[in-house]
N, C-alpha and C. Protein backbone atom coordinates (compact mmCIF):
# COMPACT_ATOMS: atom_id res chain seq x y z
N MET A 1 -203.33 31.67 -12.83
CA MET A 1 -204.17 30.68 -13.38
C MET A 1 -203.28 29.63 -13.46
N ILE A 2 -203.64 28.40 -13.41
CA ILE A 2 -203.19 27.14 -13.75
C ILE A 2 -203.69 26.40 -14.90
N LYS A 3 -202.65 25.75 -15.89
CA LYS A 3 -203.46 24.91 -16.78
C LYS A 3 -202.50 23.75 -16.68
N PHE A 4 -203.06 22.86 -18.01
CA PHE A 4 -202.87 22.02 -18.19
C PHE A 4 -202.68 20.98 -19.93
N GLU A 5 -201.44 21.21 -20.38
CA GLU A 5 -201.62 20.63 -21.85
C GLU A 5 -200.58 19.32 -21.94
N GLY A 6 -201.25 18.33 -22.13
CA GLY A 6 -200.63 17.16 -22.06
C GLY A 6 -200.40 16.52 -20.87
N PRO A 7 -198.85 16.62 -20.74
CA PRO A 7 -198.44 16.07 -19.31
C PRO A 7 -197.55 17.13 -19.14
N LYS A 8 -198.20 18.98 -18.86
CA LYS A 8 -197.05 19.51 -18.24
C LYS A 8 -198.49 20.74 -17.82
N ILE A 9 -197.97 21.07 -16.74
CA ILE A 9 -198.86 22.01 -15.72
C ILE A 9 -197.86 23.36 -15.81
N ILE A 10 -198.87 24.42 -16.30
CA ILE A 10 -198.76 25.80 -16.37
C ILE A 10 -198.88 26.58 -15.53
N VAL A 11 -197.95 27.35 -14.60
CA VAL A 11 -198.32 27.65 -13.79
C VAL A 11 -198.37 29.45 -15.20
N GLU A 12 -199.43 29.75 -15.04
CA GLU A 12 -199.35 31.35 -15.78
C GLU A 12 -199.13 32.35 -14.54
N SER A 13 -198.09 33.38 -15.47
CA SER A 13 -197.83 34.58 -15.00
C SER A 13 -198.70 35.12 -13.90
N PHE A 14 -198.64 35.78 -12.72
CA PHE A 14 -199.57 36.90 -12.24
C PHE A 14 -198.70 37.28 -10.92
N GLN A 15 -199.58 38.15 -10.46
CA GLN A 15 -199.26 39.13 -9.25
C GLN A 15 -199.71 38.56 -7.89
N CYS A 16 -198.69 39.01 -7.13
CA CYS A 16 -199.15 38.53 -5.53
C CYS A 16 -198.25 39.76 -4.29
N SER A 17 -198.56 39.17 -3.55
CA SER A 17 -198.43 40.11 -2.21
C SER A 17 -196.75 39.80 -2.26
N ARG A 18 -196.10 38.37 -2.83
CA ARG A 18 -194.36 38.71 -2.83
C ARG A 18 -193.81 39.50 -3.92
N GLY A 19 -194.87 39.32 -4.78
CA GLY A 19 -193.66 40.14 -6.69
C GLY A 19 -194.93 38.84 -7.64
N VAL A 20 -194.32 39.23 -8.54
CA VAL A 20 -194.56 38.96 -9.86
C VAL A 20 -194.17 37.14 -9.86
N VAL A 21 -195.07 36.43 -10.27
CA VAL A 21 -194.65 35.16 -10.34
C VAL A 21 -194.64 34.58 -12.12
N ALA A 22 -193.61 34.58 -12.54
CA ALA A 22 -193.19 34.14 -13.77
C ALA A 22 -193.71 33.26 -14.07
N MET A 23 -194.33 32.71 -15.60
CA MET A 23 -195.03 31.40 -16.41
C MET A 23 -194.06 30.70 -15.97
N GLN A 24 -194.57 29.60 -15.50
CA GLN A 24 -193.52 28.60 -15.06
C GLN A 24 -194.18 27.16 -15.64
N ASP A 25 -194.13 25.95 -16.06
CA ASP A 25 -194.15 24.86 -16.60
C ASP A 25 -193.84 23.79 -16.33
N ALA A 26 -194.50 22.61 -15.80
CA ALA A 26 -193.06 21.13 -15.21
C ALA A 26 -194.25 20.33 -16.13
N ASP A 27 -193.09 18.95 -15.87
CA ASP A 27 -193.52 17.77 -17.04
C ASP A 27 -193.69 16.93 -15.75
N MET A 28 -194.49 16.33 -15.91
CA MET A 28 -195.29 15.36 -15.09
C MET A 28 -194.93 13.42 -15.44
N THR A 29 -194.65 14.01 -16.64
CA THR A 29 -193.92 12.27 -17.19
C THR A 29 -193.33 11.50 -16.08
N PRO A 30 -192.15 12.17 -15.58
CA PRO A 30 -190.90 11.26 -15.12
C PRO A 30 -191.81 11.14 -13.55
N LEU A 31 -192.87 11.74 -13.09
CA LEU A 31 -193.57 11.55 -11.96
C LEU A 31 -194.71 10.76 -11.89
N GLN A 32 -194.96 9.75 -13.15
CA GLN A 32 -196.43 8.98 -13.23
C GLN A 32 -196.32 7.81 -11.92
N GLY A 33 -197.24 7.51 -11.60
CA GLY A 33 -197.54 6.84 -10.50
C GLY A 33 -197.60 6.78 -9.07
N GLN A 34 -197.13 8.36 -9.12
CA GLN A 34 -196.90 9.40 -7.66
C GLN A 34 -198.05 9.94 -7.13
N MET A 35 -198.00 10.42 -6.16
CA MET A 35 -198.62 11.61 -5.53
C MET A 35 -198.03 12.88 -6.02
N VAL A 36 -198.61 13.63 -6.20
CA VAL A 36 -197.38 14.94 -6.66
C VAL A 36 -198.07 16.31 -6.51
N ARG A 37 -197.44 16.76 -5.17
CA ARG A 37 -197.65 18.14 -4.79
C ARG A 37 -196.92 19.08 -5.68
N ILE A 38 -197.89 20.51 -6.18
CA ILE A 38 -197.18 21.27 -6.65
C ILE A 38 -196.90 22.37 -5.93
N TYR A 39 -196.06 23.41 -4.90
CA TYR A 39 -195.84 24.09 -4.52
C TYR A 39 -195.04 25.86 -5.27
N LEU A 40 -195.34 26.69 -4.93
CA LEU A 40 -194.42 27.90 -4.90
C LEU A 40 -193.50 27.95 -3.70
N ASP A 41 -192.05 28.42 -4.26
CA ASP A 41 -191.46 28.37 -3.23
C ASP A 41 -190.90 29.93 -2.63
N ASP A 42 -190.08 29.87 -1.34
CA ASP A 42 -190.32 31.43 -1.19
C ASP A 42 -189.85 32.79 -2.07
N ASN A 43 -189.16 32.19 -2.93
CA ASN A 43 -188.86 33.06 -4.50
C ASN A 43 -189.54 32.86 -5.69
N LEU A 44 -190.84 32.27 -5.30
CA LEU A 44 -191.70 32.00 -6.74
C LEU A 44 -191.67 31.39 -7.51
N ASN A 45 -190.69 30.16 -7.12
CA ASN A 45 -190.82 28.89 -8.46
C ASN A 45 -191.41 28.06 -8.16
N VAL A 46 -191.96 27.38 -9.00
CA VAL A 46 -192.44 25.99 -9.00
C VAL A 46 -191.76 25.07 -8.31
N ALA A 47 -191.85 24.57 -7.10
CA ALA A 47 -191.07 22.91 -6.47
C ALA A 47 -192.28 21.87 -6.48
N ILE A 48 -191.94 20.95 -7.20
CA ILE A 48 -192.53 19.70 -6.81
C ILE A 48 -192.07 18.28 -6.05
N ASN A 49 -193.39 18.38 -5.07
CA ASN A 49 -192.81 17.53 -3.80
C ASN A 49 -191.85 17.76 -3.09
N PRO A 50 -191.46 19.33 -2.51
CA PRO A 50 -190.59 19.59 -1.90
C PRO A 50 -190.39 18.91 -0.51
N LYS A 51 -188.99 19.03 -0.02
CA LYS A 51 -188.45 17.95 1.15
C LYS A 51 -188.70 19.34 2.36
N GLN A 52 -188.62 20.78 2.13
CA GLN A 52 -188.35 21.50 2.81
C GLN A 52 -190.00 22.52 2.55
N ASP A 53 -189.66 23.63 3.88
CA ASP A 53 -191.14 24.24 3.86
C ASP A 53 -191.12 25.13 2.38
N MET A 54 -192.88 25.60 2.37
CA MET A 54 -192.98 26.13 0.83
C MET A 54 -193.55 27.19 1.05
N TYR A 55 -193.76 28.04 0.09
CA TYR A 55 -194.67 29.50 0.56
C TYR A 55 -196.04 29.17 -0.16
N TRP A 56 -196.77 28.36 -0.77
CA TRP A 56 -198.03 27.93 -0.79
C TRP A 56 -198.35 26.56 -2.38
N GLN A 57 -199.15 26.39 -1.59
CA GLN A 57 -199.62 24.87 -2.59
C GLN A 57 -200.59 24.88 -3.24
N LEU A 58 -199.96 24.71 -4.76
CA LEU A 58 -201.06 25.59 -5.97
C LEU A 58 -201.57 24.16 -6.38
N ALA A 59 -201.19 22.87 -6.54
CA ALA A 59 -202.11 21.65 -6.66
C ALA A 59 -201.34 20.48 -5.95
N GLU A 60 -202.30 19.58 -5.63
CA GLU A 60 -201.77 18.32 -6.13
C GLU A 60 -202.92 17.15 -6.82
N MET A 61 -202.31 16.09 -7.02
CA MET A 61 -202.55 14.75 -8.14
C MET A 61 -201.73 13.85 -7.79
N MET A 62 -202.79 13.02 -8.09
CA MET A 62 -202.38 11.32 -8.15
C MET A 62 -202.12 11.03 -9.20
N LEU A 63 -200.84 10.98 -10.05
CA LEU A 63 -200.63 10.47 -11.52
C LEU A 63 -200.88 9.08 -11.53
N PRO A 64 -201.50 8.74 -12.67
CA PRO A 64 -201.30 7.31 -13.06
C PRO A 64 -200.22 6.84 -13.48
N PRO A 65 -199.91 5.25 -13.41
CA PRO A 65 -198.55 4.43 -13.52
C PRO A 65 -198.42 5.01 -14.93
N PRO A 66 -197.31 4.63 -15.18
CA PRO A 66 -197.42 4.68 -16.93
C PRO A 66 -197.67 3.66 -17.65
N MET A 67 -198.29 4.10 -19.09
CA MET A 67 -199.22 3.01 -19.60
C MET A 67 -198.49 2.30 -21.17
N THR A 68 -198.71 1.55 -21.26
CA THR A 68 -198.09 1.36 -22.77
C THR A 68 -199.36 0.56 -23.39
N ARG A 69 -199.32 1.00 -25.13
CA ARG A 69 -199.87 -0.21 -25.94
C ARG A 69 -199.25 -0.66 -26.78
N GLN A 70 -199.81 -2.01 -26.93
CA GLN A 70 -198.88 -2.75 -28.33
C GLN A 70 -199.62 -2.20 -29.54
N ILE A 71 -198.91 -2.79 -30.86
CA ILE A 71 -199.11 -2.43 -32.17
C ILE A 71 -198.58 -3.24 -33.06
N ASP A 72 -199.52 -4.56 -33.45
CA ASP A 72 -199.21 -5.55 -34.35
C ASP A 72 -198.68 -4.68 -36.08
N GLN A 73 -197.43 -4.89 -36.27
CA GLN A 73 -196.94 -4.99 -37.55
C GLN A 73 -196.99 -5.94 -38.16
N GLY A 74 -197.70 -6.83 -37.88
CA GLY A 74 -197.53 -8.28 -38.78
C GLY A 74 -196.94 -9.01 -38.72
N SER A 75 -196.12 -9.69 -39.75
CA SER A 75 -195.60 -10.74 -38.74
C SER A 75 -194.07 -10.97 -39.29
N VAL A 76 -193.26 -11.39 -38.95
CA VAL A 76 -191.97 -11.46 -39.59
C VAL A 76 -191.58 -12.85 -39.45
N LEU A 77 -190.69 -13.65 -40.88
CA LEU A 77 -190.53 -14.49 -40.75
C LEU A 77 -188.46 -14.61 -40.12
N SER A 78 -188.58 -15.90 -39.43
CA SER A 78 -187.07 -15.73 -38.65
C SER A 78 -186.77 -17.16 -38.75
N ALA A 79 -185.42 -17.51 -38.66
CA ALA A 79 -185.18 -18.85 -38.69
C ALA A 79 -184.69 -19.52 -37.41
N VAL A 80 -185.14 -20.74 -37.45
CA VAL A 80 -184.99 -21.07 -36.30
C VAL A 80 -184.12 -22.59 -36.45
N SER A 81 -182.99 -23.29 -35.60
CA SER A 81 -182.47 -24.21 -36.12
C SER A 81 -182.65 -25.10 -34.81
N ASN A 82 -182.57 -26.52 -35.81
CA ASN A 82 -182.96 -27.63 -35.00
C ASN A 82 -182.05 -29.12 -35.28
N VAL A 83 -181.37 -29.18 -34.03
CA VAL A 83 -180.58 -30.29 -34.47
C VAL A 83 -181.16 -31.44 -34.22
N ALA A 84 -180.92 -32.38 -35.03
CA ALA A 84 -181.04 -34.22 -35.42
C ALA A 84 -179.98 -35.02 -35.26
N TYR A 85 -179.86 -36.14 -35.03
CA TYR A 85 -178.91 -36.83 -35.04
C TYR A 85 -179.25 -37.54 -35.90
N ILE A 86 -178.19 -38.08 -37.11
CA ILE A 86 -178.61 -39.19 -38.32
C ILE A 86 -177.54 -40.51 -37.85
N MET A 87 -178.01 -41.77 -37.91
CA MET A 87 -177.53 -42.78 -38.03
C MET A 87 -176.84 -42.65 -39.20
N ARG A 88 -175.25 -43.12 -39.57
CA ARG A 88 -174.73 -43.15 -41.08
C ARG A 88 -174.96 -45.03 -41.56
N GLY A 89 -175.51 -44.67 -42.80
CA GLY A 89 -175.88 -45.75 -43.38
C GLY A 89 -174.71 -46.59 -44.32
N GLU A 90 -175.06 -47.68 -44.87
CA GLU A 90 -174.02 -48.48 -45.59
C GLU A 90 -173.56 -47.90 -47.15
N SER A 91 -174.87 -46.85 -47.77
CA SER A 91 -174.90 -46.50 -48.61
C SER A 91 -174.45 -44.99 -48.84
N ALA A 92 -174.46 -44.43 -49.90
CA ALA A 92 -173.52 -43.12 -50.45
C ALA A 92 -174.50 -42.06 -49.75
N ILE A 93 -176.11 -42.27 -49.91
CA ILE A 93 -177.11 -41.47 -49.48
C ILE A 93 -177.48 -41.69 -47.83
N ASP A 94 -178.15 -40.79 -47.10
CA ASP A 94 -178.35 -41.10 -46.09
C ASP A 94 -179.68 -40.47 -46.22
N ALA A 95 -181.05 -40.80 -45.49
CA ALA A 95 -182.15 -40.64 -45.76
C ALA A 95 -181.91 -39.85 -44.44
N ILE A 96 -183.02 -38.24 -44.70
CA ILE A 96 -183.37 -37.57 -44.10
C ILE A 96 -184.88 -36.95 -44.05
N ASP A 97 -185.45 -36.61 -43.15
CA ASP A 97 -186.43 -35.61 -43.24
C ASP A 97 -186.29 -34.51 -42.77
N THR A 98 -186.30 -33.45 -43.48
CA THR A 98 -185.90 -31.65 -43.23
C THR A 98 -187.57 -31.56 -42.53
N GLU A 99 -188.65 -31.68 -42.59
CA GLU A 99 -189.77 -31.55 -42.60
C GLU A 99 -190.11 -30.22 -43.30
N GLY A 100 -189.64 -29.79 -44.07
CA GLY A 100 -189.78 -28.33 -44.93
C GLY A 100 -188.77 -27.54 -44.91
N GLY A 101 -187.52 -28.00 -44.01
CA GLY A 101 -186.49 -26.99 -43.58
C GLY A 101 -185.73 -27.63 -44.60
N ARG A 102 -184.25 -26.51 -44.29
CA ARG A 102 -183.29 -26.79 -45.67
C ARG A 102 -182.11 -27.40 -44.02
N ILE A 103 -181.51 -27.86 -44.96
CA ILE A 103 -180.05 -28.40 -44.45
C ILE A 103 -178.53 -27.24 -44.41
N ALA A 104 -178.74 -26.92 -42.98
CA ALA A 104 -177.94 -25.80 -43.07
C ALA A 104 -176.00 -26.40 -42.53
N ARG A 105 -176.04 -27.76 -41.84
CA ARG A 105 -174.44 -27.90 -41.37
C ARG A 105 -174.92 -29.41 -41.08
N VAL A 106 -173.07 -30.09 -41.85
CA VAL A 106 -173.82 -31.48 -41.37
C VAL A 106 -172.24 -32.05 -40.26
N GLY A 107 -172.83 -32.74 -39.10
CA GLY A 107 -171.92 -32.87 -38.33
C GLY A 107 -171.21 -32.07 -37.13
N GLN A 108 -170.67 -31.69 -36.53
CA GLN A 108 -169.80 -31.24 -35.64
C GLN A 108 -168.93 -30.35 -35.70
N PHE A 109 -169.12 -28.90 -35.27
CA PHE A 109 -168.48 -27.59 -35.76
C PHE A 109 -166.91 -28.27 -36.20
N TRP A 110 -166.08 -29.11 -35.34
CA TRP A 110 -164.50 -29.22 -35.08
C TRP A 110 -164.58 -30.30 -36.33
N GLN A 111 -165.66 -31.02 -36.96
CA GLN A 111 -165.63 -32.47 -37.80
C GLN A 111 -165.44 -31.35 -39.17
N ASN A 112 -166.05 -30.23 -39.29
CA ASN A 112 -165.64 -29.45 -40.75
C ASN A 112 -165.76 -29.95 -42.02
N TYR A 113 -167.40 -30.72 -42.05
CA TYR A 113 -167.71 -31.18 -43.41
C TYR A 113 -168.17 -30.27 -44.01
N ARG A 114 -167.63 -30.21 -45.34
CA ARG A 114 -167.95 -29.04 -46.23
C ARG A 114 -168.87 -29.47 -46.98
N GLN A 115 -170.09 -28.20 -47.16
CA GLN A 115 -171.03 -28.60 -48.24
C GLN A 115 -170.75 -28.74 -49.69
N ASP A 116 -171.46 -29.17 -50.34
CA ASP A 116 -170.80 -29.64 -51.94
C ASP A 116 -169.23 -29.83 -52.08
N ILE A 117 -168.60 -30.20 -50.70
CA ILE A 117 -167.47 -30.97 -51.37
C ILE A 117 -167.22 -32.14 -50.73
N GLU A 118 -167.68 -32.76 -49.35
CA GLU A 118 -167.83 -33.43 -48.63
C GLU A 118 -169.18 -34.54 -48.94
N TRP A 119 -169.96 -33.40 -49.01
CA TRP A 119 -172.17 -33.86 -49.08
C TRP A 119 -172.31 -32.48 -49.51
N ARG A 120 -173.36 -33.22 -49.89
CA ARG A 120 -174.46 -32.27 -50.65
C ARG A 120 -175.99 -33.31 -50.37
N VAL A 121 -177.16 -31.60 -50.77
CA VAL A 121 -178.04 -32.30 -50.01
C VAL A 121 -178.89 -32.73 -51.82
N VAL A 122 -179.44 -34.04 -51.14
CA VAL A 122 -179.99 -34.50 -52.46
C VAL A 122 -181.52 -34.52 -52.06
N SER A 123 -182.57 -35.36 -52.87
CA SER A 123 -184.14 -35.42 -52.53
C SER A 123 -184.05 -36.47 -51.47
N GLY A 124 -184.33 -35.86 -50.60
CA GLY A 124 -184.93 -37.46 -49.66
C GLY A 124 -183.58 -37.53 -48.47
N GLY A 125 -182.76 -36.55 -48.68
CA GLY A 125 -181.40 -36.82 -47.95
C GLY A 125 -180.05 -36.02 -48.09
N ILE A 126 -179.13 -36.38 -47.44
CA ILE A 126 -177.65 -36.20 -48.06
C ILE A 126 -177.13 -36.70 -48.75
N GLU A 127 -175.88 -36.83 -49.41
CA GLU A 127 -175.11 -37.99 -50.34
C GLU A 127 -173.87 -37.22 -49.65
N TRP A 128 -172.94 -38.68 -49.67
CA TRP A 128 -172.05 -38.18 -48.95
C TRP A 128 -170.90 -38.62 -50.42
N LEU A 129 -169.92 -37.13 -50.78
CA LEU A 129 -169.50 -37.31 -51.93
C LEU A 129 -167.81 -37.84 -52.32
N THR A 130 -167.24 -37.43 -50.59
CA THR A 130 -165.74 -37.99 -50.66
C THR A 130 -165.58 -39.28 -49.76
N GLU A 131 -164.26 -39.62 -49.43
CA GLU A 131 -164.13 -40.91 -48.35
C GLU A 131 -164.25 -40.22 -47.15
N ARG A 132 -164.07 -38.89 -47.02
CA ARG A 132 -164.29 -38.19 -45.61
C ARG A 132 -165.85 -38.34 -45.23
N THR A 133 -166.38 -39.27 -44.31
CA THR A 133 -167.29 -39.39 -44.05
C THR A 133 -167.51 -40.13 -42.26
N PRO A 134 -168.84 -39.72 -41.50
CA PRO A 134 -168.88 -40.70 -40.51
C PRO A 134 -168.96 -41.63 -40.94
N LYS A 135 -168.46 -42.82 -39.80
CA LYS A 135 -167.99 -44.36 -40.37
C LYS A 135 -169.67 -45.04 -40.27
N ALA A 136 -170.42 -46.52 -41.08
CA ALA A 136 -171.25 -46.87 -41.17
C ALA A 136 -171.45 -46.88 -39.79
N GLY A 137 -172.87 -46.33 -39.53
CA GLY A 137 -173.32 -46.78 -37.81
C GLY A 137 -172.95 -46.29 -37.04
N GLU A 138 -172.46 -45.34 -37.61
CA GLU A 138 -171.83 -43.69 -36.36
C GLU A 138 -173.06 -42.53 -36.58
N GLU A 139 -173.38 -42.14 -35.43
CA GLU A 139 -174.24 -41.19 -35.33
C GLU A 139 -173.47 -39.50 -35.30
N TYR A 140 -174.14 -38.48 -36.20
CA TYR A 140 -173.75 -37.55 -36.89
C TYR A 140 -174.75 -36.79 -36.86
N SER A 141 -174.47 -35.26 -36.68
CA SER A 141 -175.42 -34.18 -36.43
C SER A 141 -175.83 -33.68 -37.80
N ILE A 142 -177.04 -33.02 -37.84
CA ILE A 142 -177.06 -31.92 -38.93
C ILE A 142 -177.97 -30.97 -37.90
N ILE A 143 -177.86 -30.18 -38.41
CA ILE A 143 -178.58 -28.79 -38.31
C ILE A 143 -179.30 -28.54 -39.60
N ILE A 144 -180.80 -28.63 -38.97
CA ILE A 144 -181.73 -28.26 -40.00
C ILE A 144 -182.63 -26.29 -39.79
N GLU A 145 -182.87 -25.92 -40.69
CA GLU A 145 -183.25 -24.45 -40.18
C GLU A 145 -184.90 -24.43 -41.20
N ASN A 146 -185.20 -24.12 -40.04
CA ASN A 146 -186.65 -23.79 -40.66
C ASN A 146 -187.10 -22.25 -40.32
N LEU A 147 -187.90 -21.83 -41.53
CA LEU A 147 -188.89 -20.33 -40.94
C LEU A 147 -190.03 -20.56 -40.30
N LEU A 148 -189.47 -19.69 -39.56
CA LEU A 148 -190.78 -19.42 -38.48
C LEU A 148 -192.03 -18.51 -38.72
N GLU A 149 -192.93 -18.30 -39.13
CA GLU A 149 -193.63 -16.99 -38.80
C GLU A 149 -194.14 -16.47 -37.61
N SER A 150 -193.47 -15.57 -37.12
CA SER A 150 -193.83 -14.89 -35.61
C SER A 150 -194.72 -13.53 -35.96
N PRO A 151 -195.39 -13.40 -34.68
CA PRO A 151 -196.16 -11.83 -35.26
C PRO A 151 -194.95 -10.56 -34.71
N ASN A 152 -195.05 -9.58 -35.35
CA ASN A 152 -194.26 -8.49 -35.17
C ASN A 152 -195.19 -7.62 -34.10
N ILE A 153 -194.42 -7.10 -32.94
CA ILE A 153 -195.55 -6.59 -32.21
C ILE A 153 -194.53 -5.86 -31.64
N ILE A 154 -194.77 -4.18 -31.59
CA ILE A 154 -193.76 -3.40 -31.00
C ILE A 154 -194.66 -2.22 -29.69
N THR A 155 -194.19 -2.30 -28.52
CA THR A 155 -194.87 -2.10 -27.64
C THR A 155 -194.25 -0.02 -27.38
N GLU A 156 -195.46 0.53 -27.19
CA GLU A 156 -195.25 1.91 -27.36
C GLU A 156 -195.53 3.18 -26.48
N ALA A 157 -195.28 3.67 -25.63
CA ALA A 157 -195.33 4.35 -24.47
C ALA A 157 -196.88 5.13 -24.54
N VAL A 158 -197.39 5.68 -23.57
CA VAL A 158 -198.31 6.41 -24.06
C VAL A 158 -198.51 7.64 -22.90
N SER A 159 -198.80 8.59 -23.58
CA SER A 159 -198.31 9.73 -23.43
C SER A 159 -199.33 10.62 -21.99
N LEU A 160 -198.64 10.37 -20.89
CA LEU A 160 -199.49 11.18 -20.17
C LEU A 160 -200.19 12.49 -20.55
N ASP A 161 -201.79 11.87 -20.17
CA ASP A 161 -202.42 13.43 -20.30
C ASP A 161 -203.04 13.88 -19.11
N LEU A 162 -202.76 15.36 -18.75
CA LEU A 162 -203.36 15.64 -17.11
C LEU A 162 -204.73 16.05 -17.16
N ALA A 163 -205.59 15.78 -18.80
CA ALA A 163 -207.14 16.29 -18.58
C ALA A 163 -207.87 14.95 -18.00
N MET A 164 -207.15 13.96 -18.17
CA MET A 164 -207.67 12.60 -17.85
C MET A 164 -207.50 12.43 -16.02
N VAL A 165 -206.94 13.26 -15.88
CA VAL A 165 -206.32 13.16 -14.12
C VAL A 165 -207.00 13.92 -13.22
N GLU A 166 -207.55 13.37 -12.37
CA GLU A 166 -208.12 14.16 -11.18
C GLU A 166 -207.15 15.59 -10.24
N ILE A 167 -207.28 16.49 -10.04
CA ILE A 167 -206.33 17.53 -9.89
C ILE A 167 -207.01 18.61 -9.63
N LYS A 168 -206.76 18.53 -7.71
CA LYS A 168 -207.27 19.85 -7.13
C LYS A 168 -206.16 20.40 -6.76
N THR A 169 -206.75 21.96 -7.62
CA THR A 169 -205.96 22.64 -7.49
C THR A 169 -206.82 23.86 -6.13
N PHE A 170 -205.56 24.96 -5.57
CA PHE A 170 -205.64 25.57 -4.75
C PHE A 170 -205.77 26.90 -4.80
N CYS A 171 -206.41 27.66 -4.14
CA CYS A 171 -206.25 29.02 -5.08
C CYS A 171 -204.87 30.14 -5.19
N LEU A 172 -204.79 30.64 -5.50
CA LEU A 172 -203.23 31.48 -5.55
C LEU A 172 -203.13 32.19 -4.72
N PRO A 173 -202.02 32.60 -4.53
CA PRO A 173 -201.55 33.60 -3.63
C PRO A 173 -202.25 34.88 -3.41
N GLU A 174 -202.20 35.95 -2.45
CA GLU A 174 -202.91 37.13 -3.03
C GLU A 174 -201.66 38.05 -2.73
C-alpha cells in the first residue's frame, strides 16, 4: 500500500514474489517542479527517477514548482543618508534645510570637521565654532540622515503537500 503524508510518499511493508518489501519513505520536496517516477529496484528498495532498469513502477506524479508566501510583519525604520552641497556664507551660521532629518556629518571625510568642536547644529543650520572652516563662497558637503519607514515583509517557503498533487499509482507487484 502507498500513502502520502505532507511531502513524503510512504511505501508500507508488503510481501511479493521476490520477498518482503520493508516500509520505506521518500521526501519529494527536493524534486519540486519535476516529473517524478517511483520504482522498486531488484533489491526491493524504493528508487526515484532511476537511470537504470527497475523491477516495478509504483507511482508517478508531476510535482508543482516550489511555492512561497509573503508575510507582512509591520514596518521598520531605517536611516537613509543624503548628501547636500552648501555654499559657505560670510556669517558664522550657514542656513541648511534638513527637511526633518538630522545633520550627521559636515565636509568630506578627509576634512575631518568635528561636531561640537568645529561646528554644531543650531536652529535652521550649522554654526561654525572655530577658524577651521570652509572659506566664504566655497562649497562643502553635508550628510543628512532621515528615518524612512518601509514594510518588513518576509518570504516563507510553503511546504509541499502531496494531497494536492495528482498521483498515478500502479498496482503492487505480486
